[in-house]
C-alpha atoms as a PDB file:
ATOM      1  CA  UNK A   1      17.096  13.369   5.830  1.00  0.00           C
ATOM      2  CA  UNK A   2      17.480  17.150   5.437  1.00  0.00           C
ATOM      3  CA  UNK A   3      19.759  19.342   7.542  1.00  0.00           C
ATOM      4  CA  UNK A   4      18.867  22.657   5.860  1.00  0.00           C
ATOM      5  CA  UNK A   5      15.117  22.952   6.237  1.00  0.00           C
ATOM      6  CA  UNK A   6      14.239  20.841   3.251  1.00  0.00           C
ATOM      7  CA  UNK A   7      16.404  22.725   0.657  1.00  0.00           C
ATOM      8  CA  UNK A   8      18.375  19.521   0.052  1.00  0.00           C
ATOM      9  CA  UNK A   9      18.088  15.838   1.106  1.00  0.00           C
ATOM     10  CA  UNK A  10      20.636  13.122   1.732  1.00  0.00           C
ATOM     11  CA  UNK A  11      20.613   9.627   0.260  1.00  0.00           C
ATOM     12  CA  UNK A  12      17.376   7.744   0.830  1.00  0.00           C
ATOM     13  CA  UNK A  13      17.264   4.754   3.087  1.00  0.00           C
ATOM     14  CA  UNK A  14      14.963   1.778   2.462  1.00  0.00           C
ATOM     15  CA  UNK A  15      13.037   0.805   5.554  1.00  0.00           C
ATOM     16  CA  UNK A  16      10.724  -1.899   4.171  1.00  0.00           C
ATOM     17  CA  UNK A  17      11.706  -5.216   2.666  1.00  0.00           C
ATOM     18  CA  UNK A  18      12.225  -5.597  -1.057  1.00  0.00           C
ATOM     19  CA  UNK A  19       9.053  -5.440  -3.137  1.00  0.00           C
ATOM     20  CA  UNK A  20       7.534  -8.464  -4.854  1.00  0.00           C
ATOM     21  CA  UNK A  21       7.278  -7.641  -8.570  1.00  0.00           C
ATOM     22  CA  UNK A  22       5.061 -10.697  -9.217  1.00  0.00           C
ATOM     23  CA  UNK A  23       2.382  -9.587  -6.745  1.00  0.00           C
ATOM     24  CA  UNK A  24       1.248 -11.807  -3.930  1.00  0.00           C
ATOM     25  CA  UNK A  25      -0.482  -9.260  -1.668  1.00  0.00           C
ATOM     26  CA  UNK A  26       2.645  -8.044   0.214  1.00  0.00           C
ATOM     27  CA  UNK A  27       2.518  -4.445  -0.984  1.00  0.00           C
ATOM     28  CA  UNK A  28       3.269  -1.561   1.395  1.00  0.00           C
ATOM     29  CA  UNK A  29       1.235   1.595   1.836  1.00  0.00           C
ATOM     30  CA  UNK A  30      -0.514   3.706   4.536  1.00  0.00           C
ATOM     31  CA  UNK A  31       2.741   5.261   5.627  1.00  0.00           C
ATOM     32  CA  UNK A  32       2.684   7.398   8.738  1.00  0.00           C
ATOM     33  CA  UNK A  33       5.481   9.628  10.110  1.00  0.00           C
ATOM     34  CA  UNK A  34       5.773  11.050  13.629  1.00  0.00           C
ATOM     35  CA  UNK A  35       8.426  12.540  15.942  1.00  0.00           C
ATOM     36  CA  UNK A  36       8.516  12.090  19.682  1.00  0.00           C
ATOM     37  CA  UNK A  37       9.281  14.829  22.240  1.00  0.00           C
ATOM     38  CA  UNK A  38      12.903  13.591  22.512  1.00  0.00           C
ATOM     39  CA  UNK A  39      13.458  13.885  18.755  1.00  0.00           C
ATOM     40  CA  UNK A  40      12.986  10.240  17.936  1.00  0.00           C
ATOM     41  CA  UNK A  41      11.611   9.731  14.432  1.00  0.00           C
ATOM     42  CA  UNK A  42       9.016   7.045  13.690  1.00  0.00           C
ATOM     43  CA  UNK A  43       7.960   5.691  10.305  1.00  0.00           C
ATOM     44  CA  UNK A  44       5.165   3.184  10.243  1.00  0.00           C
ATOM     45  CA  UNK A  45       3.452   1.424   7.353  1.00  0.00           C
ATOM     46  CA  UNK A  46       1.301  -1.599   6.438  1.00  0.00           C
ATOM     47  CA  UNK A  47       2.704  -4.662   4.748  1.00  0.00           C
ATOM     48  CA  UNK A  48      -0.197  -6.907   3.700  1.00  0.00           C
ATOM     49  CA  UNK A  49      -1.829  -7.846   7.035  1.00  0.00           C
ATOM     50  CA  UNK A  50       1.039  -6.613   9.244  1.00  0.00           C
ATOM     51  CA  UNK A  51       1.615  -3.142  10.744  1.00  0.00           C
ATOM     52  CA  UNK A  52       5.292  -2.296  11.021  1.00  0.00           C
ATOM     53  CA  UNK A  53       7.370   0.590  12.406  1.00  0.00           C
ATOM     54  CA  UNK A  54      11.066   1.661  12.103  1.00  0.00           C
ATOM     55  CA  UNK A  55      12.678   4.036  14.535  1.00  0.00           C
ATOM     56  CA  UNK A  56      15.601   6.479  14.365  1.00  0.00           C
ATOM     57  CA  UNK A  57      17.128   8.010  17.515  1.00  0.00           C
ATOM     58  CA  UNK A  58      19.861  10.017  15.698  1.00  0.00           C
ATOM     59  CA  UNK A  59      18.049  12.373  13.403  1.00  0.00           C
ATOM     60  CA  UNK A  60      17.466   9.854  10.599  1.00  0.00           C
ATOM     61  CA  UNK A  61      21.068   8.620  10.115  1.00  0.00           C
ATOM     62  CA  UNK A  62      20.233   5.060  11.270  1.00  0.00           C
ATOM     63  CA  UNK A  63      16.936   3.217  11.447  1.00  0.00           C
ATOM     64  CA  UNK A  64      15.891   0.119  13.340  1.00  0.00           C
ATOM     65  CA  UNK A  65      14.786  -3.047  11.722  1.00  0.00           C
ATOM     66  CA  UNK A  66      10.994  -3.163  11.280  1.00  0.00           C
ATOM     67  CA  UNK A  67       9.124  -3.782  14.501  1.00  0.00           C
ATOM     68  CA  UNK A  68       5.686  -5.408  14.445  1.00  0.00           C
ATOM     69  CA  UNK A  69       2.942  -3.166  15.852  1.00  0.00           C
ATOM     70  CA  UNK A  70       0.122  -5.595  15.185  1.00  0.00           C
ATOM     71  CA  UNK A  71      -1.827  -7.609  12.643  1.00  0.00           C
ATOM     72  CA  UNK A  72      -5.017  -6.855  10.763  1.00  0.00           C
ATOM     73  CA  UNK A  73      -7.713  -8.556   8.866  1.00  0.00           C
ATOM     74  CA  UNK A  74      -8.388  -6.322   5.777  1.00  0.00           C
ATOM     75  CA  UNK A  75     -11.924  -4.965   5.528  1.00  0.00           C
ATOM     76  CA  UNK A  76     -14.238  -5.587   2.612  1.00  0.00           C
ATOM     77  CA  UNK A  77     -13.777  -3.783  -0.664  1.00  0.00           C
ATOM     78  CA  UNK A  78     -16.423  -2.729  -1.129  1.00  0.00           C
ATOM     79  CA  UNK A  79     -18.271  -2.461   2.141  1.00  0.00           C
ATOM     80  CA  UNK A  80     -21.577  -4.427   1.882  1.00  0.00           C
ATOM     81  CA  UNK A  81     -24.424  -2.128   1.084  1.00  0.00           C
ATOM     82  CA  UNK A  82     -22.162   0.370  -0.823  1.00  0.00           C
ATOM     83  CA  UNK A  83     -19.499  -0.003  -3.482  1.00  0.00           C
ATOM     84  CA  UNK A  84     -16.969   2.796  -3.051  1.00  0.00           C
ATOM     85  CA  UNK A  85     -13.250   1.841  -2.914  1.00  0.00           C
ATOM     86  CA  UNK A  86     -11.850   1.208   0.580  1.00  0.00           C
ATOM     87  CA  UNK A  87      -8.291   0.473  -0.372  1.00  0.00           C
ATOM     88  CA  UNK A  88      -6.167  -1.372  -2.967  1.00  0.00           C
ATOM     89  CA  UNK A  89      -7.663  -4.773  -3.698  1.00  0.00           C
ATOM     90  CA  UNK A  90      -4.631  -5.758  -5.761  1.00  0.00           C
ATOM     91  CA  UNK A  91      -2.342  -5.335  -2.756  1.00  0.00           C
ATOM     92  CA  UNK A  92      -4.945  -6.741  -0.288  1.00  0.00           C
ATOM     93  CA  UNK A  93      -4.661  -3.522   1.730  1.00  0.00           C
ATOM     94  CA  UNK A  94      -7.968  -2.251   2.947  1.00  0.00           C
ATOM     95  CA  UNK A  95      -7.703  -0.808   6.337  1.00  0.00           C
ATOM     96  CA  UNK A  96      -6.466   2.768   6.775  1.00  0.00           C
ATOM     97  CA  UNK A  97      -3.755   3.448   9.342  1.00  0.00           C
ATOM     98  CA  UNK A  98      -2.526   6.383  11.495  1.00  0.00           C
ATOM     99  CA  UNK A  99       0.183   7.014  14.071  1.00  0.00           C
ATOM    100  CA  UNK A 100       0.520   9.675  16.806  1.00  0.00           C
ATOM    101  CA  UNK A 101       3.059  10.432  19.533  1.00  0.00           C
ATOM    102  CA  UNK A 102       2.373  11.976  22.903  1.00  0.00           C
ATOM    103  CA  UNK A 103       4.101  15.383  22.664  1.00  0.00           C
ATOM    104  CA  UNK A 104       4.604  15.949  26.419  1.00  0.00           C
ATOM    105  CA  UNK A 105       8.262  16.348  27.481  1.00  0.00           C
ATOM    106  CA  UNK A 106       9.533  13.040  28.823  1.00  0.00           C
ATOM    107  CA  UNK A 107       6.618  11.004  27.415  1.00  0.00           C
ATOM    108  CA  UNK A 108       7.441   7.663  25.741  1.00  0.00           C
ATOM    109  CA  UNK A 109       3.891   6.913  24.560  1.00  0.00           C
ATOM    110  CA  UNK A 110       2.750   6.341  20.997  1.00  0.00           C
ATOM    111  CA  UNK A 111      -0.577   5.234  19.522  1.00  0.00           C
ATOM    112  CA  UNK A 112      -1.316   3.375  16.315  1.00  0.00           C
ATOM    113  CA  UNK A 113      -4.900   3.199  15.015  1.00  0.00           C
ATOM    114  CA  UNK A 114      -6.213   1.093  12.121  1.00  0.00           C
ATOM    115  CA  UNK A 115      -9.274  -0.717  10.771  1.00  0.00           C
ATOM    116  CA  UNK A 116      -9.597  -4.508  11.012  1.00  0.00           C
ATOM    117  CA  UNK A 117     -12.440  -6.832  10.016  1.00  0.00           C
ATOM    118  CA  UNK A 118     -14.473  -8.148  12.971  1.00  0.00           C
ATOM    119  CA  UNK A 119     -17.425 -10.580  12.855  1.00  0.00           C
ATOM    120  CA  UNK A 120     -19.877  -7.761  12.144  1.00  0.00           C
ATOM    121  CA  UNK A 121     -17.670  -5.755   9.773  1.00  0.00           C
ATOM    122  CA  UNK A 122     -15.023  -2.989  10.046  1.00  0.00           C
ATOM    123  CA  UNK A 123     -13.766  -2.226  13.547  1.00  0.00           C
ATOM    124  CA  UNK A 124     -11.374   0.513  14.671  1.00  0.00           C
ATOM    125  CA  UNK A 125      -8.593  -0.711  16.956  1.00  0.00           C
ATOM    126  CA  UNK A 126      -5.736   1.076  18.792  1.00  0.00           C
ATOM    127  CA  UNK A 127      -2.395  -0.312  19.895  1.00  0.00           C
ATOM    128  CA  UNK A 128      -0.252   1.568  22.486  1.00  0.00           C
ATOM    129  CA  UNK A 129       3.447   1.674  23.085  1.00  0.00           C
ATOM    130  CA  UNK A 130       4.778   3.061  26.362  1.00  0.00           C
ATOM    131  CA  UNK A 131       8.476   2.637  25.587  1.00  0.00           C
ATOM    132  CA  UNK A 132       9.068   4.711  22.501  1.00  0.00           C
ATOM    133  CA  UNK A 133       7.849   2.165  19.991  1.00  0.00           C
ATOM    134  CA  UNK A 134       9.987  -0.791  21.029  1.00  0.00           C
ATOM    135  CA  UNK A 135       7.011  -2.921  22.120  1.00  0.00           C
ATOM    136  CA  UNK A 136       3.289  -2.550  21.435  1.00  0.00           C
ATOM    137  CA  UNK A 137       0.259  -3.704  23.427  1.00  0.00           C
ATOM    138  CA  UNK A 138      -2.554  -5.850  22.138  1.00  0.00           C
ATOM    139  CA  UNK A 139      -5.033  -3.912  19.942  1.00  0.00           C
ATOM    140  CA  UNK A 140      -8.032  -2.457  21.744  1.00  0.00           C
ATOM    141  CA  UNK A 141     -11.338  -2.069  19.940  1.00  0.00           C
ATOM    142  CA  UNK A 142     -12.731   1.478  20.232  1.00  0.00           C
ATOM    143  CA  UNK A 143     -15.650   1.234  17.841  1.00  0.00           C
ATOM    144  CA  UNK A 144     -18.712  -1.034  18.218  1.00  0.00           C
ATOM    145  CA  UNK A 145     -21.245  -2.672  16.018  1.00  0.00           C
ATOM    146  CA  UNK A 146     -23.785   0.008  17.070  1.00  0.00           C
ATOM    147  CA  UNK A 147     -22.167   2.537  14.795  1.00  0.00           C
ATOM    148  CA  UNK A 148     -21.966   0.119  11.887  1.00  0.00           C
ATOM    149  CA  UNK A 149     -19.120  -0.828   9.553  1.00  0.00           C
ATOM    150  CA  UNK A 150     -16.218   1.430  10.653  1.00  0.00           C
ATOM    151  CA  UNK A 151     -13.443   2.668   8.335  1.00  0.00           C
ATOM    152  CA  UNK A 152     -10.963   5.547   7.645  1.00  0.00           C
ATOM    153  CA  UNK A 153      -9.614   6.378  11.175  1.00  0.00           C
ATOM    154  CA  UNK A 154      -7.417   9.339  12.208  1.00  0.00           C
ATOM    155  CA  UNK A 155      -5.615  10.107  15.471  1.00  0.00           C
ATOM    156  CA  UNK A 156      -3.786  12.914  17.164  1.00  0.00           C
ATOM    157  CA  UNK A 157      -2.532  13.583  20.766  1.00  0.00           C
ATOM    158  CA  UNK A 158      -3.023  16.919  22.522  1.00  0.00           C
ATOM    159  CA  UNK A 159      -0.411  18.769  24.552  1.00  0.00           C
ATOM    160  CA  UNK A 160      -2.179  17.386  27.655  1.00  0.00           C
ATOM    161  CA  UNK A 161      -1.594  13.801  26.568  1.00  0.00           C
ATOM    162  CA  UNK A 162      -5.188  13.228  25.626  1.00  0.00           C
ATOM    163  CA  UNK A 163      -5.559  10.946  22.608  1.00  0.00           C
ATOM    164  CA  UNK A 164      -8.290  11.791  20.088  1.00  0.00           C
ATOM    165  CA  UNK A 165      -9.565   9.470  17.325  1.00  0.00           C
ATOM    166  CA  UNK A 166     -12.125  10.113  14.585  1.00  0.00           C
ATOM    167  CA  UNK A 167     -13.533   7.550  12.174  1.00  0.00           C
ATOM    168  CA  UNK A 168     -16.389   6.914   9.741  1.00  0.00           C
ATOM    169  CA  UNK A 169     -19.035   4.146   9.978  1.00  0.00           C
ATOM    170  CA  UNK A 170     -21.630   2.894   7.506  1.00  0.00           C
ATOM    171  CA  UNK A 171     -25.002   1.321   8.102  1.00  0.00           C
ATOM    172  CA  UNK A 172     -26.813  -0.310   5.208  1.00  0.00           C
ATOM    173  CA  UNK A 173     -30.526  -1.064   4.951  1.00  0.00           C
ATOM    174  CA  UNK A 174     -29.702  -4.072   2.679  1.00  0.00           C
ATOM    175  CA  UNK A 175     -26.058  -5.186   2.652  1.00  0.00           C
ATOM    176  CA  UNK A 176     -26.673  -7.259  -0.499  1.00  0.00           C
ATOM    177  CA  UNK A 177     -27.417  -4.382  -2.784  1.00  0.00           C
ATOM    178  CA  UNK A 178     -26.408  -0.761  -3.516  1.00  0.00           C
ATOM    179  CA  UNK A 179     -28.066   2.468  -4.603  1.00  0.00           C
ATOM    180  CA  UNK A 180     -29.520   5.729  -3.454  1.00  0.00           C
ATOM    181  CA  UNK A 181     -31.060   5.523   0.024  1.00  0.00           C
ATOM    182  CA  UNK A 182     -29.562   2.166   0.871  1.00  0.00           C
ATOM    183  CA  UNK A 183     -26.583   3.277   3.071  1.00  0.00           C
ATOM    184  CA  UNK A 184     -25.730   6.036   5.449  1.00  0.00           C
ATOM    185  CA  UNK A 185     -22.371   7.220   6.691  1.00  0.00           C
ATOM    186  CA  UNK A 186     -21.674   9.131   9.950  1.00  0.00           C
ATOM    187  CA  UNK A 187     -18.554  10.367  11.704  1.00  0.00           C
ATOM    188  CA  UNK A 188     -17.613   9.390  15.239  1.00  0.00           C
ATOM    189  CA  UNK A 189     -15.150  10.620  17.915  1.00  0.00           C
ATOM    190  CA  UNK A 190     -13.430   8.741  20.741  1.00  0.00           C
ATOM    191  CA  UNK A 191     -10.961  10.034  23.323  1.00  0.00           C
ATOM    192  CA  UNK A 192      -8.588   8.749  26.023  1.00  0.00           C
ATOM    193  CA  UNK A 193      -7.090  10.719  28.866  1.00  0.00           C
ATOM    194  CA  UNK A 194      -3.483   9.870  29.846  1.00  0.00           C
ATOM    195  CA  UNK A 195      -4.556   7.835  32.853  1.00  0.00           C
ATOM    196  CA  UNK A 196      -8.012   6.776  31.633  1.00  0.00           C
ATOM    197  CA  UNK A 197      -9.618   4.385  29.232  1.00  0.00           C
ATOM    198  CA  UNK A 198     -11.121   4.946  25.791  1.00  0.00           C
ATOM    199  CA  UNK A 199     -14.522   6.684  25.842  1.00  0.00           C
ATOM    200  CA  UNK A 200     -17.721   5.487  24.198  1.00  0.00           C
ATOM    201  CA  UNK A 201     -18.060   6.623  20.533  1.00  0.00           C
ATOM    202  CA  UNK A 202     -19.716  10.011  20.101  1.00  0.00           C
ATOM    203  CA  UNK A 203     -21.524  10.724  16.826  1.00  0.00           C
ATOM    204  CA  UNK A 204     -20.446  14.137  15.552  1.00  0.00           C
ATOM    205  CA  UNK A 205     -22.472  14.369  12.333  1.00  0.00           C
ATOM    206  CA  UNK A 206     -26.013  15.655  12.776  1.00  0.00           C
ATOM    207  CA  UNK A 207     -26.941  14.620   9.179  1.00  0.00           C
ATOM    208  CA  UNK A 208     -25.978  11.295   7.669  1.00  0.00           C
ATOM    209  CA  UNK A 209     -24.408  11.037   4.225  1.00  0.00           C
ATOM    210  CA  UNK A 210     -25.354   8.710   1.368  1.00  0.00           C
ATOM    211  CA  UNK A 211     -22.363   7.255  -0.505  1.00  0.00           C
ATOM    212  CA  UNK A 212     -24.514   7.009  -3.631  1.00  0.00           C
ATOM    213  CA  UNK A 213     -24.419  10.794  -4.159  1.00  0.00           C
ATOM    214  CA  UNK A 214     -21.080  10.484  -5.998  1.00  0.00           C
ATOM    215  CA  UNK A 215     -19.278   8.135  -8.349  1.00  0.00           C
ATOM    216  CA  UNK A 216     -15.907   7.436  -9.919  1.00  0.00           C
ATOM    217  CA  UNK A 217     -15.224   8.996 -13.253  1.00  0.00           C
ATOM    218  CA  UNK A 218     -16.094   5.734 -14.970  1.00  0.00           C
ATOM    219  CA  UNK A 219     -19.398   5.534 -13.055  1.00  0.00           C
ATOM    220  CA  UNK A 220     -18.678   1.864 -12.152  1.00  0.00           C
ATOM    221  CA  UNK A 221     -18.473   2.514  -8.419  1.00  0.00           C
ATOM    222  CA  UNK A 222     -19.468   5.085  -5.900  1.00  0.00           C
ATOM    223  CA  UNK A 223     -16.824   7.456  -4.639  1.00  0.00           C
ATOM    224  CA  UNK A 224     -16.048   8.320  -1.001  1.00  0.00           C
ATOM    225  CA  UNK A 225     -12.890  10.268  -0.294  1.00  0.00           C
ATOM    226  CA  UNK A 226     -10.522   9.009   2.428  1.00  0.00           C
ATOM    227  CA  UNK A 227      -9.724  12.619   3.349  1.00  0.00           C
ATOM    228  CA  UNK A 228      -9.853  12.024   7.101  1.00  0.00           C
ATOM    229  CA  UNK A 229      -7.592  13.832   9.592  1.00  0.00           C
ATOM    230  CA  UNK A 230      -7.755  15.171  13.153  1.00  0.00           C
ATOM    231  CA  UNK A 231      -5.916  17.955  15.007  1.00  0.00           C
ATOM    232  CA  UNK A 232      -5.847  18.357  18.825  1.00  0.00           C
ATOM    233  CA  UNK A 233      -5.179  21.168  21.247  1.00  0.00           C
ATOM    234  CA  UNK A 234      -5.563  21.191  24.995  1.00  0.00           C
ATOM    235  CA  UNK A 235      -9.157  22.415  24.818  1.00  0.00           C
ATOM    236  CA  UNK A 236     -10.394  21.618  21.248  1.00  0.00           C
ATOM    237  CA  UNK A 237     -10.382  18.923  18.642  1.00  0.00           C
ATOM    238  CA  UNK A 238     -10.791  19.549  14.904  1.00  0.00           C
ATOM    239  CA  UNK A 239     -11.981  16.467  13.098  1.00  0.00           C
ATOM    240  CA  UNK A 240     -12.002  16.667   9.233  1.00  0.00           C
ATOM    241  CA  UNK A 241     -13.840  14.201   7.012  1.00  0.00           C
ATOM    242  CA  UNK A 242     -15.671  13.675   3.701  1.00  0.00           C
ATOM    243  CA  UNK A 243     -19.361  14.521   3.909  1.00  0.00           C
ATOM    244  CA  UNK A 244     -22.137  14.073   1.306  1.00  0.00           C
ATOM    245  CA  UNK A 245     -25.128  15.721   2.963  1.00  0.00           C
ATOM    246  CA  UNK A 246     -25.368  18.319   0.132  1.00  0.00           C
ATOM    247  CA  UNK A 247     -25.287  15.690  -2.612  1.00  0.00           C
ATOM    248  CA  UNK A 248     -28.109  13.945  -4.392  1.00  0.00           C
ATOM    249  CA  UNK A 249     -28.217  10.420  -5.726  1.00  0.00           C
ATOM    250  CA  UNK A 250     -28.735   9.539  -9.403  1.00  0.00           C
ATOM    251  CA  UNK A 251     -31.003   6.599 -10.331  1.00  0.00           C
ATOM    252  CA  UNK A 252     -29.320   6.252 -13.766  1.00  0.00           C
ATOM    253  CA  UNK A 253     -25.995   5.766 -12.078  1.00  0.00           C
ATOM    254  CA  UNK A 254     -27.537   3.292  -9.631  1.00  0.00           C
ATOM    255  CA  UNK A 255     -28.976   1.232 -12.423  1.00  0.00           C
ATOM    256  CA  UNK A 256     -25.657   1.243 -14.350  1.00  0.00           C
ATOM    257  CA  UNK A 257     -23.756   0.023 -11.291  1.00  0.00           C
ATOM    258  CA  UNK A 258     -26.321  -2.740 -10.842  1.00  0.00           C
ATOM    259  CA  UNK A 259     -25.758  -3.798 -14.434  1.00  0.00           C
ATOM    260  CA  UNK A 260     -29.333  -2.790 -15.422  1.00  0.00           C
ATOM    261  CA  UNK A 261     -28.681   0.157 -17.714  1.00  0.00           C
ATOM    262  CA  UNK A 262     -26.331   1.921 -20.062  1.00  0.00           C
ATOM    263  CA  UNK A 263     -23.557   4.240 -18.815  1.00  0.00           C
ATOM    264  CA  UNK A 264     -25.166   7.535 -18.012  1.00  0.00           C
ATOM    265  CA  UNK A 265     -23.864  11.060 -18.595  1.00  0.00           C
ATOM    266  CA  UNK A 266     -24.321  12.873 -15.295  1.00  0.00           C
ATOM    267  CA  UNK A 267     -24.485  16.241 -16.988  1.00  0.00           C
ATOM    268  CA  UNK A 268     -27.773  15.179 -18.654  1.00  0.00           C
ATOM    269  CA  UNK A 269     -29.014  12.108 -16.747  1.00  0.00           C
ATOM    270  CA  UNK A 270     -28.499  13.166 -13.138  1.00  0.00           C
ATOM    271  CA  UNK A 271     -29.609  15.910 -10.755  1.00  0.00           C
ATOM    272  CA  UNK A 272     -27.236  18.918 -10.557  1.00  0.00           C
ATOM    273  CA  UNK A 273     -26.161  18.040  -7.049  1.00  0.00           C
ATOM    274  CA  UNK A 274     -24.995  14.529  -7.997  1.00  0.00           C
ATOM    275  CA  UNK A 275     -21.270  14.252  -7.332  1.00  0.00           C
ATOM    276  CA  UNK A 276     -21.356  16.918  -4.572  1.00  0.00           C
ATOM    277  CA  UNK A 277     -19.327  15.683  -1.662  1.00  0.00           C
ATOM    278  CA  UNK A 278     -17.624  18.204   0.673  1.00  0.00           C
ATOM    279  CA  UNK A 279     -14.930  18.338   3.320  1.00  0.00           C
ATOM    280  CA  UNK A 280     -16.446  19.151   6.708  1.00  0.00           C
ATOM    281  CA  UNK A 281     -14.751  19.904  10.089  1.00  0.00           C
ATOM    282  CA  UNK A 282     -16.408  19.216  13.480  1.00  0.00           C
ATOM    283  CA  UNK A 283     -14.986  21.262  16.261  1.00  0.00           C
ATOM    284  CA  UNK A 284     -15.244  19.207  19.453  1.00  0.00           C
ATOM    285  CA  UNK A 285     -14.841  20.252  23.032  1.00  0.00           C
ATOM    286  CA  UNK A 286     -13.492  17.110  24.803  1.00  0.00           C
END
């Protein structure tokens, strides 16, 4: 906690349980921080398959014991049909998680959004608290199988109380292989008015992206940045995400990842646009 605008900070306080140095899949990540309109501070995180939150009502001096928001079934790493990293397989954390508080004066509503694995693949779910984070409702699915395998969600709440969610989803022609032209990724938007229900997903990308247009530095896997965020105002939504529409796949990298060729040098073996992924923003009028 800082009382001087961040110039100095007090002693740190551990909110999660002690780490397990021998492994075991109970690592913690995906931390999210929010403040409510009454000054309450919220810190949420994932611990293996559990979503937890700790709350401070006194400016960070004291924090509650962790409260369970919900459970998750980690998504595949990699997503079938592609092979980019979706999380940390060593910690069994492959979901993505975000938290948002309704900023309206007097509001006690918070939203938590994350990815869980459904029968058809990744699914985006939202849990809501209407009493300042003390209890949380059952997760509600806001993505469908029609969009494909969903991942990397983001959430914000406008000054009107409208909740806005953006996420990515992948459709593969053949889930059992990888390579240029096999998978496509699009971005989607969902909203909820204070007194309403969640809308149907709206596709906001006019051009799909191929995850095979980029790779890790070691070429062993594709690369897709989890640089997803969303910002809301009363009349607009700015949804930011990774986009590969300007990139070009490389057959030499595809063959290497399939175990059918030697490691390529993209400077000589790939088109000049290989590795070109960008950050895009879609401006949405709710």
